Protein backbone atom coordinates (compact mmCIF):
# COMPACT_ATOMS: atom_id res chain seq x y z
CA UNK A 1 0.00 0.00 0.00
CA UNK A 2 2.76 2.45 0.96
CA UNK A 3 4.59 1.84 -2.31
CA UNK A 4 1.41 2.39 -4.35
CA UNK A 5 0.66 5.63 -2.55
CA UNK A 6 4.25 6.86 -2.90
CA UNK A 7 4.36 6.19 -6.64
CA UNK A 8 1.00 7.89 -7.17
CA UNK A 9 2.09 10.95 -5.18
CA UNK A 10 5.33 11.16 -7.15
CA UNK A 11 3.27 11.23 -10.36
CA UNK A 12 1.22 14.09 -8.91
CA UNK A 13 4.42 15.79 -7.75
CA UNK A 14 5.77 15.68 -11.31
CA UNK A 15 2.74 17.68 -12.49
CA UNK A 16 3.15 20.11 -9.59
CA UNK A 17 6.85 20.65 -10.36
CA UNK A 18 6.10 21.11 -14.06
CA UNK A 19 3.46 23.75 -13.32
CA UNK A 20 5.81 25.46 -10.85
CA UNK A 21 8.80 25.51 -13.22
CA UNK A 22 6.90 26.72 -16.27
CA UNK A 23 5.14 29.41 -14.24
CA UNK A 24 8.51 30.78 -13.13
CA UNK A 25 9.96 30.48 -16.63
CA UNK A 26 7.27 32.71 -18.13
CA UNK A 27 6.19 34.87 -15.16
CA UNK A 28 9.64 36.20 -14.23
CA UNK A 29 10.36 37.92 -17.57
CA UNK A 30 6.71 38.89 -18.06
CA UNK A 31 6.70 40.51 -14.64
CA UNK A 32 9.69 42.65 -15.62
CA UNK A 33 7.88 43.80 -18.76
CA UNK A 34 4.75 44.65 -16.75
CA UNK A 35 6.86 46.59 -14.23
CA UNK A 36 8.26 48.74 -17.05
CA UNK A 37 4.68 49.44 -18.13
CA UNK A 38 3.63 50.44 -14.60
CA UNK A 39 6.62 52.81 -14.39
CA UNK A 40 6.15 54.28 -17.85
CA UNK A 41 5.98 58.06 -18.20
CA UNK A 42 3.11 57.60 -20.65
CA UNK A 43 -0.14 57.83 -18.69
CA UNK A 44 -2.00 56.03 -21.46
CA UNK A 45 0.18 52.99 -20.74
CA UNK A 46 0.90 53.37 -17.02
CA UNK A 47 -2.68 53.68 -15.75
CA UNK A 48 -4.14 50.66 -17.61
CA UNK A 49 -1.21 48.50 -16.53
CA UNK A 50 -1.51 49.61 -12.91
CA UNK A 51 -5.26 48.96 -13.01
CA UNK A 52 -4.72 45.48 -14.44
CA UNK A 53 -2.13 44.66 -11.77
CA UNK A 54 -4.50 45.93 -9.07
CA UNK A 55 -7.32 43.72 -10.36
CA UNK A 56 -5.15 40.61 -10.59
CA UNK A 57 -3.54 41.11 -7.18
CA UNK A 58 -6.87 41.96 -5.59
CA UNK A 59 -8.81 38.92 -6.79
CA UNK A 60 -8.30 35.26 -5.79
CA UNK A 61 -6.13 33.09 -8.02
CA UNK A 62 -8.88 30.46 -7.89
CA UNK A 63 -11.34 32.86 -9.53
CA UNK A 64 -8.81 33.72 -12.23
CA UNK A 65 -8.24 30.03 -12.88
CA UNK A 66 -11.98 29.42 -13.23
CA UNK A 67 -12.29 32.39 -15.59
CA UNK A 68 -9.53 31.06 -17.85
CA UNK A 69 -10.86 27.50 -17.86
CA UNK A 70 -14.62 28.14 -17.98
CA UNK A 71 -15.06 31.80 -18.82
CA UNK A 72 -12.86 32.28 -21.88
CA UNK A 73 -14.54 29.50 -23.91
CA UNK A 74 -17.96 31.04 -23.17
CA UNK A 75 -16.92 34.61 -23.96
CA UNK A 76 -14.99 33.83 -27.15
CA UNK A 77 -16.96 30.79 -28.27
CA UNK A 78 -13.91 28.52 -28.35
CA UNK A 79 -13.40 24.96 -27.13
CA UNK A 80 -12.25 24.68 -23.50
CA UNK A 81 -8.50 24.70 -23.03
CA UNK A 82 -6.84 21.55 -21.71
CA UNK A 83 -6.49 21.67 -17.94
CA UNK A 84 -2.73 22.13 -17.74
CA UNK A 85 -2.45 25.01 -20.27
CA UNK A 86 -5.42 26.74 -18.61
CA UNK A 87 -3.78 26.47 -15.20
CA UNK A 88 -0.46 27.64 -16.62
CA UNK A 89 -1.99 30.75 -18.20
CA UNK A 90 -3.75 31.72 -14.97
CA UNK A 91 -0.68 31.10 -12.81
CA UNK A 92 1.72 32.92 -15.15
CA UNK A 93 -0.46 36.01 -15.41
CA UNK A 94 -1.19 36.09 -11.67
CA UNK A 95 2.42 35.74 -10.56
CA UNK A 96 3.74 38.05 -13.27
CA UNK A 97 1.64 40.82 -11.72
CA UNK A 98 2.99 40.07 -8.25
CA UNK A 99 6.56 39.89 -9.55
CA UNK A 100 6.07 43.19 -11.39
CA UNK A 101 5.45 45.01 -8.12
CA UNK A 102 8.56 43.46 -6.59
CA UNK A 103 10.60 44.50 -9.63
CA UNK A 104 9.14 48.00 -9.49
CA UNK A 105 9.94 48.39 -5.82
CA UNK A 106 13.49 47.19 -6.35
CA UNK A 107 14.14 49.47 -9.32
CA UNK A 108 12.65 52.55 -7.68
CA UNK A 109 14.70 51.92 -4.52
CA UNK A 110 17.98 52.48 -6.38
CA UNK A 111 19.28 56.00 -5.58
CA UNK A 112 19.23 58.43 -8.50
CA UNK A 113 22.90 59.04 -7.87
CA UNK A 114 23.63 55.61 -9.36
CA UNK A 115 22.11 56.71 -12.66
CA UNK A 116 23.83 60.07 -12.57
CA UNK A 117 27.20 58.45 -11.90
CA UNK A 118 26.74 56.20 -14.91
CA UNK A 119 25.88 59.16 -17.10
CA UNK A 120 28.99 61.02 -15.94
CA UNK A 121 31.05 58.00 -17.00
CA UNK A 122 29.49 58.20 -20.46
CA UNK A 123 27.38 55.04 -20.15
CA UNK A 124 24.17 54.61 -22.12
CA UNK A 125 20.84 54.02 -20.38
CA UNK A 126 20.97 50.32 -21.24
CA UNK A 127 24.51 50.00 -19.90
CA UNK A 128 23.56 51.77 -16.68
CA UNK A 129 20.56 49.49 -16.18
CA UNK A 130 22.26 46.16 -16.94
CA UNK A 131 25.73 46.87 -15.51
CA UNK A 132 24.95 49.14 -12.55
CA UNK A 133 21.31 48.92 -11.55
CA UNK A 134 20.21 45.36 -12.32
CA UNK A 135 22.55 43.51 -9.93
CA UNK A 136 21.60 45.86 -7.10
CA UNK A 137 17.93 45.30 -7.91
CA UNK A 138 18.46 41.54 -7.80
CA UNK A 139 20.03 41.85 -4.34
CA UNK A 140 17.05 43.85 -3.08
CA UNK A 141 14.31 41.65 -4.54
CA UNK A 142 15.67 38.20 -3.64
CA UNK A 143 13.98 38.03 -0.17
CA UNK A 144 10.47 39.10 -1.30
CA UNK A 145 10.82 37.12 -4.53
CA UNK A 146 11.78 33.98 -2.60
CA UNK A 147 8.65 34.35 -0.45
CA UNK A 148 6.45 34.58 -3.54
CA UNK A 149 8.15 31.59 -5.17
CA UNK A 150 7.65 29.46 -2.06
CA UNK A 151 4.02 30.58 -2.00
CA UNK A 152 3.76 29.47 -5.63
CA UNK A 153 4.72 25.93 -4.62
CA UNK A 154 1.73 25.78 -2.28
CA UNK A 155 -0.59 27.62 -4.66
CA UNK A 156 -0.16 24.90 -7.28
CA UNK A 157 -2.64 22.90 -5.19
CA UNK A 158 -5.36 25.31 -6.34
CA UNK A 159 -5.15 23.72 -9.79
CA UNK A 160 -7.17 20.79 -8.49
CA UNK A 161 -10.26 23.04 -8.68
CA UNK A 162 -10.35 22.27 -12.42
CA UNK A 163 -9.56 18.59 -11.78
CA UNK A 164 -5.89 18.84 -12.73
CA UNK A 165 -4.18 15.81 -11.25
CA UNK A 166 -1.43 17.44 -9.19
CA UNK A 167 -0.13 16.04 -5.89
CA UNK A 168 -3.11 17.04 -3.70
CA UNK A 169 -5.45 15.44 -6.24
CA UNK A 170 -3.34 12.27 -6.11
CA UNK A 171 -3.54 12.15 -2.31
CA UNK A 172 -7.27 12.87 -2.22
CA UNK A 173 -7.92 10.12 -4.77
CA UNK A 174 -7.12 7.46 -2.14
CA UNK A 175 -9.87 8.86 0.04
CA UNK A 176 -12.37 8.42 -2.79
CA UNK A 177 -11.29 4.93 -3.92
CA UNK A 178 -8.17 5.14 -6.09
CA UNK A 179 -6.10 2.04 -6.97
CA UNK A 180 -8.55 -0.20 -5.14
CA UNK A 181 -8.22 1.68 -1.84
CA UNK A 182 -10.88 3.90 -0.30
CA UNK A 183 -11.23 5.86 2.89
CA UNK A 184 -7.46 6.37 3.22
CA UNK A 185 -6.84 9.76 4.79
CA UNK A 186 -3.11 9.52 5.49
CA UNK A 187 -2.00 9.85 1.81
CA UNK A 188 -3.64 13.28 1.72
CA UNK A 189 -1.72 14.40 4.80
CA UNK A 190 1.42 12.70 3.51
CA UNK A 191 1.47 15.20 0.62
CA UNK A 192 2.56 17.76 3.21
CA UNK A 193 5.91 15.97 3.45
CA UNK A 194 6.49 16.52 -0.27
CA UNK A 195 5.69 20.22 0.05
CA UNK A 196 7.98 20.57 3.06
CA UNK A 197 10.88 18.91 1.24
CA UNK A 198 10.30 20.97 -1.90
CA UNK A 199 10.13 24.23 0.03
CA UNK A 200 13.10 23.19 2.16
CA UNK A 201 15.26 22.82 -0.94
CA UNK A 202 14.10 26.21 -2.23
CA UNK A 203 14.86 27.82 1.13
CA UNK A 204 18.41 26.46 1.05
CA UNK A 205 18.82 27.62 -2.56
CA UNK A 206 17.67 31.17 -1.85
CA UNK A 207 19.83 31.37 1.28
CA UNK A 208 22.81 30.54 -0.93
CA UNK A 209 21.81 33.19 -3.47
CA UNK A 210 21.47 35.84 -0.75
CA UNK A 211 24.89 34.89 0.60
CA UNK A 212 26.50 35.29 -2.83
CA UNK A 213 24.89 38.70 -3.28
CA UNK A 214 25.99 39.90 0.17
CA UNK A 215 28.90 41.85 -1.33
CA UNK A 216 26.41 44.59 -2.29
CA UNK A 217 25.86 45.40 1.42
C-alpha atoms as a PDB file:
ATOM      1  CA  UNK A   1       0.000   0.000   0.000  1.00  0.00           C
ATOM      2  CA  UNK A   2       2.758   2.454   0.964  1.00  0.00           C
ATOM      3  CA  UNK A   3       4.586   1.840  -2.314  1.00  0.00           C
ATOM      4  CA  UNK A   4       1.409   2.386  -4.353  1.00  0.00           C
ATOM      5  CA  UNK A   5       0.663   5.633  -2.549  1.00  0.00           C
ATOM      6  CA  UNK A   6       4.252   6.865  -2.899  1.00  0.00           C
ATOM      7  CA  UNK A   7       4.360   6.187  -6.642  1.00  0.00           C
ATOM      8  CA  UNK A   8       1.000   7.890  -7.168  1.00  0.00           C
ATOM      9  CA  UNK A   9       2.091  10.945  -5.176  1.00  0.00           C
ATOM     10  CA  UNK A  10       5.331  11.159  -7.152  1.00  0.00           C
ATOM     11  CA  UNK A  11       3.270  11.230 -10.357  1.00  0.00           C
ATOM     12  CA  UNK A  12       1.223  14.092  -8.912  1.00  0.00           C
ATOM     13  CA  UNK A  13       4.418  15.794  -7.748  1.00  0.00           C
ATOM     14  CA  UNK A  14       5.766  15.680 -11.309  1.00  0.00           C
ATOM     15  CA  UNK A  15       2.735  17.675 -12.486  1.00  0.00           C
ATOM     16  CA  UNK A  16       3.150  20.110  -9.592  1.00  0.00           C
ATOM     17  CA  UNK A  17       6.849  20.650 -10.358  1.00  0.00           C
ATOM     18  CA  UNK A  18       6.104  21.106 -14.058  1.00  0.00           C
ATOM     19  CA  UNK A  19       3.464  23.755 -13.323  1.00  0.00           C
ATOM     20  CA  UNK A  20       5.809  25.461 -10.852  1.00  0.00           C
ATOM     21  CA  UNK A  21       8.804  25.506 -13.217  1.00  0.00           C
ATOM     22  CA  UNK A  22       6.900  26.724 -16.274  1.00  0.00           C
ATOM     23  CA  UNK A  23       5.143  29.406 -14.242  1.00  0.00           C
ATOM     24  CA  UNK A  24       8.513  30.784 -13.134  1.00  0.00           C
ATOM     25  CA  UNK A  25       9.964  30.484 -16.629  1.00  0.00           C
ATOM     26  CA  UNK A  26       7.271  32.714 -18.126  1.00  0.00           C
ATOM     27  CA  UNK A  27       6.193  34.865 -15.158  1.00  0.00           C
ATOM     28  CA  UNK A  28       9.641  36.199 -14.225  1.00  0.00           C
ATOM     29  CA  UNK A  29      10.363  37.921 -17.565  1.00  0.00           C
ATOM     30  CA  UNK A  30       6.710  38.893 -18.062  1.00  0.00           C
ATOM     31  CA  UNK A  31       6.697  40.514 -14.637  1.00  0.00           C
ATOM     32  CA  UNK A  32       9.686  42.648 -15.618  1.00  0.00           C
ATOM     33  CA  UNK A  33       7.878  43.804 -18.764  1.00  0.00           C
ATOM     34  CA  UNK A  34       4.753  44.654 -16.753  1.00  0.00           C
ATOM     35  CA  UNK A  35       6.856  46.594 -14.230  1.00  0.00           C
ATOM     36  CA  UNK A  36       8.256  48.740 -17.045  1.00  0.00           C
ATOM     37  CA  UNK A  37       4.675  49.439 -18.125  1.00  0.00           C
ATOM     38  CA  UNK A  38       3.633  50.438 -14.603  1.00  0.00           C
ATOM     39  CA  UNK A  39       6.617  52.815 -14.388  1.00  0.00           C
ATOM     40  CA  UNK A  40       6.147  54.278 -17.848  1.00  0.00           C
ATOM     41  CA  UNK A  41       5.984  58.057 -18.196  1.00  0.00           C
ATOM     42  CA  UNK A  42       3.115  57.596 -20.651  1.00  0.00           C
ATOM     43  CA  UNK A  43      -0.136  57.825 -18.689  1.00  0.00           C
ATOM     44  CA  UNK A  44      -2.005  56.026 -21.464  1.00  0.00           C
ATOM     45  CA  UNK A  45       0.179  52.986 -20.736  1.00  0.00           C
ATOM     46  CA  UNK A  46       0.895  53.368 -17.018  1.00  0.00           C
ATOM     47  CA  UNK A  47      -2.683  53.676 -15.750  1.00  0.00           C
ATOM     48  CA  UNK A  48      -4.139  50.664 -17.615  1.00  0.00           C
ATOM     49  CA  UNK A  49      -1.207  48.502 -16.531  1.00  0.00           C
ATOM     50  CA  UNK A  50      -1.515  49.609 -12.912  1.00  0.00           C
ATOM     51  CA  UNK A  51      -5.262  48.959 -13.011  1.00  0.00           C
ATOM     52  CA  UNK A  52      -4.720  45.480 -14.439  1.00  0.00           C
ATOM     53  CA  UNK A  53      -2.130  44.659 -11.772  1.00  0.00           C
ATOM     54  CA  UNK A  54      -4.496  45.931  -9.070  1.00  0.00           C
ATOM     55  CA  UNK A  55      -7.324  43.722 -10.356  1.00  0.00           C
ATOM     56  CA  UNK A  56      -5.148  40.606 -10.594  1.00  0.00           C
ATOM     57  CA  UNK A  57      -3.543  41.108  -7.182  1.00  0.00           C
ATOM     58  CA  UNK A  58      -6.874  41.960  -5.585  1.00  0.00           C
ATOM     59  CA  UNK A  59      -8.807  38.918  -6.786  1.00  0.00           C
ATOM     60  CA  UNK A  60      -8.296  35.261  -5.785  1.00  0.00           C
ATOM     61  CA  UNK A  61      -6.135  33.092  -8.017  1.00  0.00           C
ATOM     62  CA  UNK A  62      -8.878  30.464  -7.890  1.00  0.00           C
ATOM     63  CA  UNK A  63     -11.341  32.864  -9.531  1.00  0.00           C
ATOM     64  CA  UNK A  64      -8.811  33.721 -12.227  1.00  0.00           C
ATOM     65  CA  UNK A  65      -8.240  30.033 -12.880  1.00  0.00           C
ATOM     66  CA  UNK A  66     -11.982  29.419 -13.234  1.00  0.00           C
ATOM     67  CA  UNK A  67     -12.286  32.395 -15.593  1.00  0.00           C
ATOM     68  CA  UNK A  68      -9.526  31.058 -17.847  1.00  0.00           C
ATOM     69  CA  UNK A  69     -10.857  27.498 -17.862  1.00  0.00           C
ATOM     70  CA  UNK A  70     -14.616  28.136 -17.982  1.00  0.00           C
ATOM     71  CA  UNK A  71     -15.057  31.803 -18.821  1.00  0.00           C
ATOM     72  CA  UNK A  72     -12.858  32.282 -21.884  1.00  0.00           C
ATOM     73  CA  UNK A  73     -14.544  29.499 -23.911  1.00  0.00           C
ATOM     74  CA  UNK A  74     -17.957  31.037 -23.169  1.00  0.00           C
ATOM     75  CA  UNK A  75     -16.920  34.608 -23.959  1.00  0.00           C
ATOM     76  CA  UNK A  76     -14.991  33.833 -27.149  1.00  0.00           C
ATOM     77  CA  UNK A  77     -16.958  30.789 -28.271  1.00  0.00           C
ATOM     78  CA  UNK A  78     -13.906  28.524 -28.354  1.00  0.00           C
ATOM     79  CA  UNK A  79     -13.404  24.958 -27.126  1.00  0.00           C
ATOM     80  CA  UNK A  80     -12.253  24.678 -23.497  1.00  0.00           C
ATOM     81  CA  UNK A  81      -8.500  24.697 -23.033  1.00  0.00           C
ATOM     82  CA  UNK A  82      -6.842  21.545 -21.711  1.00  0.00           C
ATOM     83  CA  UNK A  83      -6.493  21.669 -17.943  1.00  0.00           C
ATOM     84  CA  UNK A  84      -2.729  22.135 -17.740  1.00  0.00           C
ATOM     85  CA  UNK A  85      -2.453  25.005 -20.275  1.00  0.00           C
ATOM     86  CA  UNK A  86      -5.418  26.739 -18.612  1.00  0.00           C
ATOM     87  CA  UNK A  87      -3.777  26.466 -15.201  1.00  0.00           C
ATOM     88  CA  UNK A  88      -0.455  27.638 -16.619  1.00  0.00           C
ATOM     89  CA  UNK A  89      -1.992  30.751 -18.196  1.00  0.00           C
ATOM     90  CA  UNK A  90      -3.748  31.715 -14.969  1.00  0.00           C
ATOM     91  CA  UNK A  91      -0.679  31.100 -12.812  1.00  0.00           C
ATOM     92  CA  UNK A  92       1.716  32.920 -15.148  1.00  0.00           C
ATOM     93  CA  UNK A  93      -0.456  36.011 -15.408  1.00  0.00           C
ATOM     94  CA  UNK A  94      -1.188  36.089 -11.671  1.00  0.00           C
ATOM     95  CA  UNK A  95       2.416  35.737 -10.561  1.00  0.00           C
ATOM     96  CA  UNK A  96       3.738  38.046 -13.272  1.00  0.00           C
ATOM     97  CA  UNK A  97       1.639  40.821 -11.718  1.00  0.00           C
ATOM     98  CA  UNK A  98       2.995  40.072  -8.251  1.00  0.00           C
ATOM     99  CA  UNK A  99       6.556  39.891  -9.546  1.00  0.00           C
ATOM    100  CA  UNK A 100       6.072  43.191 -11.393  1.00  0.00           C
ATOM    101  CA  UNK A 101       5.447  45.010  -8.125  1.00  0.00           C
ATOM    102  CA  UNK A 102       8.558  43.462  -6.593  1.00  0.00           C
ATOM    103  CA  UNK A 103      10.597  44.504  -9.629  1.00  0.00           C
ATOM    104  CA  UNK A 104       9.142  48.004  -9.495  1.00  0.00           C
ATOM    105  CA  UNK A 105       9.937  48.392  -5.816  1.00  0.00           C
ATOM    106  CA  UNK A 106      13.492  47.185  -6.349  1.00  0.00           C
ATOM    107  CA  UNK A 107      14.136  49.474  -9.321  1.00  0.00           C
ATOM    108  CA  UNK A 108      12.651  52.553  -7.679  1.00  0.00           C
ATOM    109  CA  UNK A 109      14.696  51.918  -4.518  1.00  0.00           C
ATOM    110  CA  UNK A 110      17.977  52.476  -6.379  1.00  0.00           C
ATOM    111  CA  UNK A 111      19.281  56.002  -5.583  1.00  0.00           C
ATOM    112  CA  UNK A 112      19.232  58.434  -8.501  1.00  0.00           C
ATOM    113  CA  UNK A 113      22.905  59.044  -7.873  1.00  0.00           C
ATOM    114  CA  UNK A 114      23.629  55.611  -9.361  1.00  0.00           C
ATOM    115  CA  UNK A 115      22.107  56.711 -12.660  1.00  0.00           C
ATOM    116  CA  UNK A 116      23.831  60.066 -12.573  1.00  0.00           C
ATOM    117  CA  UNK A 117      27.197  58.448 -11.895  1.00  0.00           C
ATOM    118  CA  UNK A 118      26.743  56.201 -14.905  1.00  0.00           C
ATOM    119  CA  UNK A 119      25.879  59.165 -17.103  1.00  0.00           C
ATOM    120  CA  UNK A 120      28.993  61.018 -15.942  1.00  0.00           C
ATOM    121  CA  UNK A 121      31.053  58.000 -16.998  1.00  0.00           C
ATOM    122  CA  UNK A 122      29.492  58.199 -20.461  1.00  0.00           C
ATOM    123  CA  UNK A 123      27.383  55.037 -20.154  1.00  0.00           C
ATOM    124  CA  UNK A 124      24.174  54.611 -22.123  1.00  0.00           C
ATOM    125  CA  UNK A 125      20.845  54.024 -20.378  1.00  0.00           C
ATOM    126  CA  UNK A 126      20.969  50.315 -21.240  1.00  0.00           C
ATOM    127  CA  UNK A 127      24.513  50.004 -19.903  1.00  0.00           C
ATOM    128  CA  UNK A 128      23.555  51.773 -16.681  1.00  0.00           C
ATOM    129  CA  UNK A 129      20.562  49.493 -16.178  1.00  0.00           C
ATOM    130  CA  UNK A 130      22.258  46.162 -16.935  1.00  0.00           C
ATOM    131  CA  UNK A 131      25.735  46.867 -15.506  1.00  0.00           C
ATOM    132  CA  UNK A 132      24.953  49.142 -12.555  1.00  0.00           C
ATOM    133  CA  UNK A 133      21.308  48.915 -11.546  1.00  0.00           C
ATOM    134  CA  UNK A 134      20.209  45.361 -12.323  1.00  0.00           C
ATOM    135  CA  UNK A 135      22.547  43.513  -9.934  1.00  0.00           C
ATOM    136  CA  UNK A 136      21.600  45.861  -7.104  1.00  0.00           C
ATOM    137  CA  UNK A 137      17.928  45.304  -7.907  1.00  0.00           C
ATOM    138  CA  UNK A 138      18.461  41.540  -7.798  1.00  0.00           C
ATOM    139  CA  UNK A 139      20.025  41.847  -4.342  1.00  0.00           C
ATOM    140  CA  UNK A 140      17.049  43.850  -3.079  1.00  0.00           C
ATOM    141  CA  UNK A 141      14.313  41.646  -4.542  1.00  0.00           C
ATOM    142  CA  UNK A 142      15.665  38.197  -3.642  1.00  0.00           C
ATOM    143  CA  UNK A 143      13.984  38.028  -0.170  1.00  0.00           C
ATOM    144  CA  UNK A 144      10.472  39.102  -1.302  1.00  0.00           C
ATOM    145  CA  UNK A 145      10.818  37.118  -4.526  1.00  0.00           C
ATOM    146  CA  UNK A 146      11.777  33.978  -2.601  1.00  0.00           C
ATOM    147  CA  UNK A 147       8.655  34.347  -0.452  1.00  0.00           C
ATOM    148  CA  UNK A 148       6.448  34.584  -3.545  1.00  0.00           C
ATOM    149  CA  UNK A 149       8.148  31.591  -5.168  1.00  0.00           C
ATOM    150  CA  UNK A 150       7.650  29.456  -2.056  1.00  0.00           C
ATOM    151  CA  UNK A 151       4.016  30.575  -1.997  1.00  0.00           C
ATOM    152  CA  UNK A 152       3.763  29.472  -5.635  1.00  0.00           C
ATOM    153  CA  UNK A 153       4.721  25.933  -4.619  1.00  0.00           C
ATOM    154  CA  UNK A 154       1.734  25.780  -2.282  1.00  0.00           C
ATOM    155  CA  UNK A 155      -0.587  27.622  -4.662  1.00  0.00           C
ATOM    156  CA  UNK A 156      -0.162  24.900  -7.278  1.00  0.00           C
ATOM    157  CA  UNK A 157      -2.637  22.900  -5.194  1.00  0.00           C
ATOM    158  CA  UNK A 158      -5.360  25.313  -6.343  1.00  0.00           C
ATOM    159  CA  UNK A 159      -5.150  23.723  -9.794  1.00  0.00           C
ATOM    160  CA  UNK A 160      -7.165  20.789  -8.488  1.00  0.00           C
ATOM    161  CA  UNK A 161     -10.264  23.038  -8.678  1.00  0.00           C
ATOM    162  CA  UNK A 162     -10.350  22.271 -12.417  1.00  0.00           C
ATOM    163  CA  UNK A 163      -9.556  18.594 -11.781  1.00  0.00           C
ATOM    164  CA  UNK A 164      -5.894  18.837 -12.733  1.00  0.00           C
ATOM    165  CA  UNK A 165      -4.185  15.813 -11.249  1.00  0.00           C
ATOM    166  CA  UNK A 166      -1.430  17.443  -9.189  1.00  0.00           C
ATOM    167  CA  UNK A 167      -0.133  16.044  -5.890  1.00  0.00           C
ATOM    168  CA  UNK A 168      -3.112  17.043  -3.701  1.00  0.00           C
ATOM    169  CA  UNK A 169      -5.455  15.439  -6.235  1.00  0.00           C
ATOM    170  CA  UNK A 170      -3.341  12.268  -6.113  1.00  0.00           C
ATOM    171  CA  UNK A 171      -3.541  12.147  -2.314  1.00  0.00           C
ATOM    172  CA  UNK A 172      -7.266  12.872  -2.219  1.00  0.00           C
ATOM    173  CA  UNK A 173      -7.924  10.121  -4.768  1.00  0.00           C
ATOM    174  CA  UNK A 174      -7.123   7.461  -2.138  1.00  0.00           C
ATOM    175  CA  UNK A 175      -9.871   8.860   0.045  1.00  0.00           C
ATOM    176  CA  UNK A 176     -12.368   8.421  -2.789  1.00  0.00           C
ATOM    177  CA  UNK A 177     -11.290   4.930  -3.924  1.00  0.00           C
ATOM    178  CA  UNK A 178      -8.170   5.135  -6.088  1.00  0.00           C
ATOM    179  CA  UNK A 179      -6.095   2.041  -6.968  1.00  0.00           C
ATOM    180  CA  UNK A 180      -8.547  -0.197  -5.140  1.00  0.00           C
ATOM    181  CA  UNK A 181      -8.224   1.677  -1.841  1.00  0.00           C
ATOM    182  CA  UNK A 182     -10.877   3.901  -0.301  1.00  0.00           C
ATOM    183  CA  UNK A 183     -11.233   5.858   2.886  1.00  0.00           C
ATOM    184  CA  UNK A 184      -7.461   6.366   3.222  1.00  0.00           C
ATOM    185  CA  UNK A 185      -6.840   9.761   4.791  1.00  0.00           C
ATOM    186  CA  UNK A 186      -3.113   9.516   5.488  1.00  0.00           C
ATOM    187  CA  UNK A 187      -2.004   9.847   1.814  1.00  0.00           C
ATOM    188  CA  UNK A 188      -3.642  13.281   1.719  1.00  0.00           C
ATOM    189  CA  UNK A 189      -1.724  14.399   4.804  1.00  0.00           C
ATOM    190  CA  UNK A 190       1.423  12.705   3.510  1.00  0.00           C
ATOM    191  CA  UNK A 191       1.467  15.196   0.621  1.00  0.00           C
ATOM    192  CA  UNK A 192       2.559  17.755   3.207  1.00  0.00           C
ATOM    193  CA  UNK A 193       5.910  15.968   3.451  1.00  0.00           C
ATOM    194  CA  UNK A 194       6.492  16.519  -0.265  1.00  0.00           C
ATOM    195  CA  UNK A 195       5.686  20.217   0.047  1.00  0.00           C
ATOM    196  CA  UNK A 196       7.978  20.566   3.065  1.00  0.00           C
ATOM    197  CA  UNK A 197      10.877  18.914   1.235  1.00  0.00           C
ATOM    198  CA  UNK A 198      10.299  20.973  -1.902  1.00  0.00           C
ATOM    199  CA  UNK A 199      10.128  24.231   0.025  1.00  0.00           C
ATOM    200  CA  UNK A 200      13.101  23.193   2.161  1.00  0.00           C
ATOM    201  CA  UNK A 201      15.259  22.816  -0.942  1.00  0.00           C
ATOM    202  CA  UNK A 202      14.100  26.206  -2.232  1.00  0.00           C
ATOM    203  CA  UNK A 203      14.859  27.820   1.134  1.00  0.00           C
ATOM    204  CA  UNK A 204      18.414  26.462   1.050  1.00  0.00           C
ATOM    205  CA  UNK A 205      18.816  27.624  -2.556  1.00  0.00           C
ATOM    206  CA  UNK A 206      17.666  31.170  -1.847  1.00  0.00           C
ATOM    207  CA  UNK A 207      19.831  31.365   1.283  1.00  0.00           C
ATOM    208  CA  UNK A 208      22.808  30.543  -0.926  1.00  0.00           C
ATOM    209  CA  UNK A 209      21.811  33.187  -3.466  1.00  0.00           C
ATOM    210  CA  UNK A 210      21.473  35.836  -0.747  1.00  0.00           C
ATOM    211  CA  UNK A 211      24.895  34.890   0.603  1.00  0.00           C
ATOM    212  CA  UNK A 212      26.503  35.289  -2.825  1.00  0.00           C
ATOM    213  CA  UNK A 213      24.893  38.701  -3.275  1.00  0.00           C
ATOM    214  CA  UNK A 214      25.993  39.896   0.166  1.00  0.00           C
ATOM    215  CA  UNK A 215      28.899  41.854  -1.333  1.00  0.00           C
ATOM    216  CA  UNK A 216      26.405  44.591  -2.288  1.00  0.00           C
ATOM    217  CA  UNK A 217      25.861  45.403   1.417  1.00  0.00           C
END
